[in-house]
Full PDB file with SEQRES, HELIX, SHEET, SSBOND, CRYST1, ORIGX, SCALE, CONECT and MASTER records, all heavy atoms in Angstrom:
SEQRES   1 A   30  MET VAL GLY ASP ASP CYS GLU ILE MET ILE PHE GLY SER          
SEQRES   2 A   30  GLY GLY GLU LEU TYR GLY TYR GLN SER LEU GLU LYS LEU          
SEQRES   3 A   30  SER SER SER ILE                                              
HELIX    1 AA1 LEU A   23  SER A   29  1                                   7    
SHEET    1 AA1 2 MET A   9  PHE A  11  0                                        
SHEET    2 AA1 2 LEU A  17  TYR A  20 -1                                        
CRYST1    1.000    1.000    1.000  90.00  90.00  90.00 P 1           1          
ORIGX1      1.000000  0.000000  0.000000        0.00000                         
ORIGX2      0.000000  1.000000  0.000000        0.00000                         
ORIGX3      0.000000  0.000000  1.000000        0.00000                         
SCALE1      1.000000  0.000000  0.000000        0.00000                         
SCALE2      0.000000  1.000000  0.000000        0.00000                         
SCALE3      0.000000  0.000000  1.000000        0.00000                         
ATOM      1  N   MET A   1     391.028  23.623  84.389  1.00  0.00           N  
ATOM      2  CA  MET A   1     391.555  23.940  83.083  1.00  0.00           C  
ATOM      3  C   MET A   1     390.655  23.619  81.910  1.00  0.00           C  
ATOM      4  O   MET A   1     389.915  22.621  82.028  1.00  0.00           O  
ATOM      5  CB  MET A   1     392.864  23.099  82.977  1.00  0.00           C  
ATOM      6  CG  MET A   1     394.119  23.539  83.851  1.00  0.00           C  
ATOM      7  SD  MET A   1     395.394  22.440  83.752  1.00  0.00           S  
ATOM      8  CE  MET A   1     395.818  22.530  81.943  1.00  0.00           C  
ATOM      9  N   VAL A   2     390.645  24.395  80.920  1.00  0.00           N  
ATOM     10  CA  VAL A   2     389.820  24.123  79.697  1.00  0.00           C  
ATOM     11  C   VAL A   2     390.828  23.649  78.690  1.00  0.00           C  
ATOM     12  O   VAL A   2     391.420  24.382  77.907  1.00  0.00           O  
ATOM     13  CB  VAL A   2     389.119  25.414  79.207  1.00  0.00           C  
ATOM     14  CG1 VAL A   2     388.305  25.159  78.099  1.00  0.00           C  
ATOM     15  CG2 VAL A   2     388.383  26.124  80.451  1.00  0.00           C  
ATOM     16  N   GLY A   3     390.889  22.331  78.670  1.00  0.00           N  
ATOM     17  CA  GLY A   3     391.866  21.658  77.701  1.00  0.00           C  
ATOM     18  C   GLY A   3     393.195  21.607  78.226  1.00  0.00           C  
ATOM     19  O   GLY A   3     393.645  22.202  79.263  1.00  0.00           O  
ATOM     20  N   ASP A   4     394.107  20.756  77.596  1.00  0.00           N  
ATOM     21  CA  ASP A   4     395.434  20.435  78.142  1.00  0.00           C  
ATOM     22  C   ASP A   4     396.350  21.584  77.964  1.00  0.00           C  
ATOM     23  O   ASP A   4     397.264  21.823  78.752  1.00  0.00           O  
ATOM     24  CB  ASP A   4     396.040  19.333  77.384  1.00  0.00           C  
ATOM     25  CG  ASP A   4     395.239  18.012  77.626  1.00  0.00           C  
ATOM     26  OD1 ASP A   4     394.558  17.986  78.744  1.00  0.00           O  
ATOM     27  OD2 ASP A   4     395.255  17.108  76.775  1.00  0.00           O  
ATOM     28  N   ASP A   5     396.157  22.514  76.961  1.00  0.00           N  
ATOM     29  CA  ASP A   5     397.000  23.633  76.768  1.00  0.00           C  
ATOM     30  C   ASP A   5     396.499  24.922  77.436  1.00  0.00           C  
ATOM     31  O   ASP A   5     397.040  26.061  77.201  1.00  0.00           O  
ATOM     32  CB  ASP A   5     397.145  23.867  75.364  1.00  0.00           C  
ATOM     33  CG  ASP A   5     397.784  22.767  74.527  1.00  0.00           C  
ATOM     34  OD1 ASP A   5     398.602  22.012  75.198  1.00  0.00           O  
ATOM     35  OD2 ASP A   5     397.470  22.540  73.403  1.00  0.00           O  
ATOM     36  N   CYS A   6     395.516  24.859  78.340  1.00  0.00           N  
ATOM     37  CA  CYS A   6     395.065  26.010  79.071  1.00  0.00           C  
ATOM     38  C   CYS A   6     396.017  26.484  80.049  1.00  0.00           C  
ATOM     39  O   CYS A   6     396.842  25.652  80.701  1.00  0.00           O  
ATOM     40  CB  CYS A   6     393.798  25.693  79.759  1.00  0.00           C  
ATOM     41  SG  CYS A   6     393.034  26.878  80.782  1.00  0.00           S  
ATOM     42  N   GLU A   7     396.212  27.766  80.241  1.00  0.00           N  
ATOM     43  CA  GLU A   7     397.152  28.423  81.233  1.00  0.00           C  
ATOM     44  C   GLU A   7     396.304  29.194  82.225  1.00  0.00           C  
ATOM     45  O   GLU A   7     395.474  30.100  81.803  1.00  0.00           O  
ATOM     46  CB  GLU A   7     398.261  29.242  80.568  1.00  0.00           C  
ATOM     47  CG  GLU A   7     399.125  28.472  79.521  1.00  0.00           C  
ATOM     48  CD  GLU A   7     400.071  27.556  80.273  1.00  0.00           C  
ATOM     49  OE1 GLU A   7     400.198  27.576  81.483  1.00  0.00           O  
ATOM     50  OE2 GLU A   7     400.677  26.701  79.526  1.00  0.00           O  
ATOM     51  N   ILE A   8     396.605  29.007  83.457  1.00  0.00           N  
ATOM     52  CA  ILE A   8     396.010  29.763  84.630  1.00  0.00           C  
ATOM     53  C   ILE A   8     396.849  30.111  85.608  1.00  0.00           C  
ATOM     54  O   ILE A   8     397.697  29.338  86.025  1.00  0.00           O  
ATOM     55  CB  ILE A   8     394.727  28.855  85.183  1.00  0.00           C  
ATOM     56  CG1 ILE A   8     393.762  28.304  84.187  1.00  0.00           C  
ATOM     57  CG2 ILE A   8     394.039  29.621  86.365  1.00  0.00           C  
ATOM     58  CD1 ILE A   8     392.707  27.396  84.771  1.00  0.00           C  
ATOM     59  N   MET A   9     396.794  31.450  86.181  1.00  0.00           N  
ATOM     60  CA  MET A   9     397.682  31.900  87.155  1.00  0.00           C  
ATOM     61  C   MET A   9     397.045  33.010  87.985  1.00  0.00           C  
ATOM     62  O   MET A   9     396.096  33.628  87.415  1.00  0.00           O  
ATOM     63  CB  MET A   9     399.044  32.319  86.498  1.00  0.00           C  
ATOM     64  CG  MET A   9     398.936  33.707  85.771  1.00  0.00           C  
ATOM     65  SD  MET A   9     400.590  34.262  85.242  1.00  0.00           S  
ATOM     66  CE  MET A   9     400.115  35.701  84.279  1.00  0.00           C  
ATOM     67  N   ILE A  10     397.578  33.244  89.061  1.00  0.00           N  
ATOM     68  CA  ILE A  10     397.320  34.438  89.886  1.00  0.00           C  
ATOM     69  C   ILE A  10     398.515  35.175  90.032  1.00  0.00           C  
ATOM     70  O   ILE A  10     399.672  34.615  90.473  1.00  0.00           O  
ATOM     71  CB  ILE A  10     396.749  33.981  91.292  1.00  0.00           C  
ATOM     72  CG1 ILE A  10     395.451  33.162  91.102  1.00  0.00           C  
ATOM     73  CG2 ILE A  10     396.409  35.203  92.054  1.00  0.00           C  
ATOM     74  CD1 ILE A  10     394.915  32.508  92.405  1.00  0.00           C  
ATOM     75  N   PHE A  11     398.521  36.549  89.667  1.00  0.00           N  
ATOM     76  CA  PHE A  11     399.844  37.333  89.693  1.00  0.00           C  
ATOM     77  C   PHE A  11     399.490  38.699  90.213  1.00  0.00           C  
ATOM     78  O   PHE A  11     398.338  39.185  90.299  1.00  0.00           O  
ATOM     79  CB  PHE A  11     400.419  37.341  88.291  1.00  0.00           C  
ATOM     80  CG  PHE A  11     399.603  38.165  87.286  1.00  0.00           C  
ATOM     81  CD1 PHE A  11     399.906  39.498  86.966  1.00  0.00           C  
ATOM     82  CD2 PHE A  11     398.485  37.560  86.528  1.00  0.00           C  
ATOM     83  CE1 PHE A  11     399.262  40.152  86.001  1.00  0.00           C  
ATOM     84  CE2 PHE A  11     397.792  38.305  85.692  1.00  0.00           C  
ATOM     85  CZ  PHE A  11     398.136  39.622  85.418  1.00  0.00           C  
ATOM     86  N   GLY A  12     400.531  39.356  90.490  1.00  0.00           N  
ATOM     87  CA  GLY A  12     400.452  40.762  91.022  1.00  0.00           C  
ATOM     88  C   GLY A  12     400.777  41.724  89.858  1.00  0.00           C  
ATOM     89  O   GLY A  12     401.373  41.376  88.773  1.00  0.00           O  
ATOM     90  N   SER A  13     400.642  43.029  90.168  1.00  0.00           N  
ATOM     91  CA  SER A  13     400.822  44.016  89.098  1.00  0.00           C  
ATOM     92  C   SER A  13     402.210  44.214  88.817  1.00  0.00           C  
ATOM     93  O   SER A  13     402.529  44.660  87.715  1.00  0.00           O  
ATOM     94  CB  SER A  13     400.128  45.346  89.590  1.00  0.00           C  
ATOM     95  OG  SER A  13     400.895  45.726  90.840  1.00  0.00           O  
ATOM     96  N   GLY A  14     403.111  43.781  89.678  1.00  0.00           N  
ATOM     97  CA  GLY A  14     404.461  43.893  89.396  1.00  0.00           C  
ATOM     98  C   GLY A  14     405.153  42.622  88.832  1.00  0.00           C  
ATOM     99  O   GLY A  14     406.337  42.429  88.707  1.00  0.00           O  
ATOM    100  N   GLY A  15     404.206  41.702  88.436  1.00  0.00           N  
ATOM    101  CA  GLY A  15     404.671  40.466  87.826  1.00  0.00           C  
ATOM    102  C   GLY A  15     405.022  39.345  88.906  1.00  0.00           C  
ATOM    103  O   GLY A  15     405.431  38.258  88.584  1.00  0.00           O  
ATOM    104  N   GLU A  16     404.647  39.542  90.163  1.00  0.00           N  
ATOM    105  CA  GLU A  16     404.780  38.561  91.082  1.00  0.00           C  
ATOM    106  C   GLU A  16     403.819  37.442  90.911  1.00  0.00           C  
ATOM    107  O   GLU A  16     402.626  37.639  90.434  1.00  0.00           O  
ATOM    108  CB  GLU A  16     404.503  39.094  92.581  1.00  0.00           C  
ATOM    109  CG  GLU A  16     405.353  40.315  92.877  1.00  0.00           C  
ATOM    110  CD  GLU A  16     404.752  41.634  92.513  1.00  0.00           C  
ATOM    111  OE1 GLU A  16     403.696  41.608  91.799  1.00  0.00           O  
ATOM    112  OE2 GLU A  16     405.291  42.665  92.778  1.00  0.00           O  
ATOM    113  N   LEU A  17     404.311  36.290  91.177  1.00  0.00           N  
ATOM    114  CA  LEU A  17     403.444  35.065  90.977  1.00  0.00           C  
ATOM    115  C   LEU A  17     402.901  34.505  92.357  1.00  0.00           C  
ATOM    116  O   LEU A  17     403.676  34.363  93.203  1.00  0.00           O  
ATOM    117  CB  LEU A  17     404.355  33.908  90.301  1.00  0.00           C  
ATOM    118  CG  LEU A  17     403.514  32.693  89.826  1.00  0.00           C  
ATOM    119  CD1 LEU A  17     402.385  32.975  88.915  1.00  0.00           C  
ATOM    120  CD2 LEU A  17     404.489  31.583  89.294  1.00  0.00           C  
ATOM    121  N   TYR A  18     401.537  34.402  92.328  1.00  0.00           N  
ATOM    122  CA  TYR A  18     400.839  33.980  93.648  1.00  0.00           C  
ATOM    123  C   TYR A  18     400.186  32.587  93.537  1.00  0.00           C  
ATOM    124  O   TYR A  18     399.783  32.033  94.429  1.00  0.00           O  
ATOM    125  CB  TYR A  18     399.915  34.974  94.039  1.00  0.00           C  
ATOM    126  CG  TYR A  18     400.564  36.207  94.525  1.00  0.00           C  
ATOM    127  CD1 TYR A  18     400.832  37.276  93.695  1.00  0.00           C  
ATOM    128  CD2 TYR A  18     400.944  36.272  95.914  1.00  0.00           C  
ATOM    129  CE1 TYR A  18     401.481  38.413  94.169  1.00  0.00           C  
ATOM    130  CE2 TYR A  18     401.661  37.432  96.368  1.00  0.00           C  
ATOM    131  CZ  TYR A  18     401.763  38.579  95.441  1.00  0.00           C  
ATOM    132  OH  TYR A  18     402.450  39.673  95.898  1.00  0.00           O  
ATOM    133  N   GLY A  19     400.066  32.074  92.300  1.00  0.00           N  
ATOM    134  CA  GLY A  19     399.411  30.743  92.115  1.00  0.00           C  
ATOM    135  C   GLY A  19     399.561  30.367  90.666  1.00  0.00           C  
ATOM    136  O   GLY A  19     399.459  31.129  89.681  1.00  0.00           O  
ATOM    137  N   TYR A  20     399.657  29.014  90.434  1.00  0.00           N  
ATOM    138  CA  TYR A  20     399.784  28.442  89.151  1.00  0.00           C  
ATOM    139  C   TYR A  20     399.218  27.037  89.259  1.00  0.00           C  
ATOM    140  O   TYR A  20     399.192  26.296  90.251  1.00  0.00           O  
ATOM    141  CB  TYR A  20     401.268  28.403  88.666  1.00  0.00           C  
ATOM    142  CG  TYR A  20     401.471  28.027  87.215  1.00  0.00           C  
ATOM    143  CD1 TYR A  20     400.785  28.628  86.212  1.00  0.00           C  
ATOM    144  CD2 TYR A  20     402.269  26.846  86.969  1.00  0.00           C  
ATOM    145  CE1 TYR A  20     400.947  28.264  84.964  1.00  0.00           C  
ATOM    146  CE2 TYR A  20     402.395  26.505  85.634  1.00  0.00           C  
ATOM    147  CZ  TYR A  20     401.885  27.127  84.628  1.00  0.00           C  
ATOM    148  OH  TYR A  20     401.975  26.636  83.348  1.00  0.00           O  
ATOM    149  N   GLN A  21     398.763  26.557  88.010  1.00  0.00           N  
ATOM    150  CA  GLN A  21     398.060  25.262  87.940  1.00  0.00           C  
ATOM    151  C   GLN A  21     398.983  24.119  88.197  1.00  0.00           C  
ATOM    152  O   GLN A  21     398.486  23.076  88.598  1.00  0.00           O  
ATOM    153  CB  GLN A  21     397.424  25.166  86.503  1.00  0.00           C  
ATOM    154  CG  GLN A  21     398.450  25.043  85.370  1.00  0.00           C  
ATOM    155  CD  GLN A  21     398.037  25.534  84.037  1.00  0.00           C  
ATOM    156  OE1 GLN A  21     397.115  26.391  84.051  1.00  0.00           O  
ATOM    157  NE2 GLN A  21     398.449  24.919  82.987  1.00  0.00           N  
ATOM    158  N   SER A  22     400.223  24.261  87.993  1.00  0.00           N  
ATOM    159  CA  SER A  22     401.227  23.183  88.274  1.00  0.00           C  
ATOM    160  C   SER A  22     402.066  23.558  89.466  1.00  0.00           C  
ATOM    161  O   SER A  22     402.913  24.509  89.424  1.00  0.00           O  
ATOM    162  CB  SER A  22     402.092  22.942  87.005  1.00  0.00           C  
ATOM    163  OG  SER A  22     403.112  22.029  87.277  1.00  0.00           O  
ATOM    164  N   LEU A  23     401.881  22.892  90.519  1.00  0.00           N  
ATOM    165  CA  LEU A  23     402.708  23.129  91.691  1.00  0.00           C  
ATOM    166  C   LEU A  23     404.161  22.814  91.438  1.00  0.00           C  
ATOM    167  O   LEU A  23     404.996  23.500  92.054  1.00  0.00           O  
ATOM    168  CB  LEU A  23     402.185  22.364  92.949  1.00  0.00           C  
ATOM    169  CG  LEU A  23     402.801  22.527  94.275  1.00  0.00           C  
ATOM    170  CD1 LEU A  23     402.545  23.957  94.751  1.00  0.00           C  
ATOM    171  CD2 LEU A  23     402.353  21.635  95.279  1.00  0.00           C  
ATOM    172  N   GLU A  24     404.424  21.787  90.587  1.00  0.00           N  
ATOM    173  CA  GLU A  24     405.806  21.444  90.408  1.00  0.00           C  
ATOM    174  C   GLU A  24     406.563  22.617  89.716  1.00  0.00           C  
ATOM    175  O   GLU A  24     407.649  22.964  90.084  1.00  0.00           O  
ATOM    176  CB  GLU A  24     405.955  20.187  89.579  1.00  0.00           C  
ATOM    177  CG  GLU A  24     405.427  18.867  90.270  1.00  0.00           C  
ATOM    178  CD  GLU A  24     403.921  18.846  90.209  1.00  0.00           C  
ATOM    179  OE1 GLU A  24     403.219  19.697  89.631  1.00  0.00           O  
ATOM    180  OE2 GLU A  24     403.340  17.978  91.004  1.00  0.00           O  
ATOM    181  N   LYS A  25     405.922  23.184  88.641  1.00  0.00           N  
ATOM    182  CA  LYS A  25     406.576  24.248  87.903  1.00  0.00           C  
ATOM    183  C   LYS A  25     406.639  25.444  88.842  1.00  0.00           C  
ATOM    184  O   LYS A  25     407.558  26.298  88.767  1.00  0.00           O  
ATOM    185  CB  LYS A  25     405.777  24.580  86.625  1.00  0.00           C  
ATOM    186  CG  LYS A  25     405.817  23.482  85.708  1.00  0.00           C  
ATOM    187  CD  LYS A  25     405.184  23.839  84.313  1.00  0.00           C  
ATOM    188  CE  LYS A  25     405.226  22.743  83.283  1.00  0.00           C  
ATOM    189  NZ  LYS A  25     404.496  23.209  82.062  1.00  0.00           N  
ATOM    190  N   LEU A  26     405.596  25.741  89.658  1.00  0.00           N  
ATOM    191  CA  LEU A  26     405.749  26.832  90.592  1.00  0.00           C  
ATOM    192  C   LEU A  26     406.837  26.633  91.549  1.00  0.00           C  
ATOM    193  O   LEU A  26     407.606  27.612  91.845  1.00  0.00           O  
ATOM    194  CB  LEU A  26     404.358  26.919  91.346  1.00  0.00           C  
ATOM    195  CG  LEU A  26     404.272  28.055  92.436  1.00  0.00           C  
ATOM    196  CD1 LEU A  26     404.508  29.397  91.771  1.00  0.00           C  
ATOM    197  CD2 LEU A  26     402.990  27.914  93.194  1.00  0.00           C  
ATOM    198  N   SER A  27     407.009  25.404  92.023  1.00  0.00           N  
ATOM    199  CA  SER A  27     408.096  25.256  92.985  1.00  0.00           C  
ATOM    200  C   SER A  27     409.492  25.436  92.318  1.00  0.00           C  
ATOM    201  O   SER A  27     410.372  26.054  92.881  1.00  0.00           O  
ATOM    202  CB  SER A  27     408.041  23.880  93.537  1.00  0.00           C  
ATOM    203  OG  SER A  27     406.848  23.638  94.220  1.00  0.00           O  
ATOM    204  N   SER A  28     409.629  24.934  91.046  1.00  0.00           N  
ATOM    205  CA  SER A  28     410.925  25.146  90.374  1.00  0.00           C  
ATOM    206  C   SER A  28     411.232  26.563  90.017  1.00  0.00           C  
ATOM    207  O   SER A  28     412.425  26.922  89.909  1.00  0.00           O  
ATOM    208  CB  SER A  28     410.931  24.274  89.140  1.00  0.00           C  
ATOM    209  OG  SER A  28     409.944  24.641  88.251  1.00  0.00           O  
ATOM    210  N   SER A  29     410.181  27.472  89.850  1.00  0.00           N  
ATOM    211  CA  SER A  29     410.445  28.756  89.505  1.00  0.00           C  
ATOM    212  C   SER A  29     411.054  29.623  90.727  1.00  0.00           C  
ATOM    213  O   SER A  29     411.617  30.577  90.538  1.00  0.00           O  
ATOM    214  CB  SER A  29     409.080  29.421  89.157  1.00  0.00           C  
ATOM    215  OG  SER A  29     408.229  29.633  90.248  1.00  0.00           O  
ATOM    216  N   ILE A  30     410.916  29.029  91.898  1.00  0.00           N  
ATOM    217  CA  ILE A  30     411.506  29.695  93.071  1.00  0.00           C  
ATOM    218  C   ILE A  30     413.014  29.640  92.987  1.00  0.00           C  
ATOM    219  O   ILE A  30     413.797  30.525  93.385  1.00  0.00           O  
ATOM    220  CB  ILE A  30     410.987  28.974  94.412  1.00  0.00           C  
ATOM    221  CG1 ILE A  30     409.518  29.091  94.470  1.00  0.00           C  
ATOM    222  CG2 ILE A  30     411.736  29.644  95.572  1.00  0.00           C  
ATOM    223  CD1 ILE A  30     408.876  28.548  95.673  1.00  0.00           C  
TER     224      ILE A  30                                                      
MASTER        0    0    0    1    2    0    0    6  223    1    0    3          
END                                                                             
């Protein structure tokens, strides 16, 4: 991350989420 407000993700063309910097938020999104 570049700074505290940086956002990083891995996603698919249909909006699918495959990775996010916060595992807790990723888990809650399920």
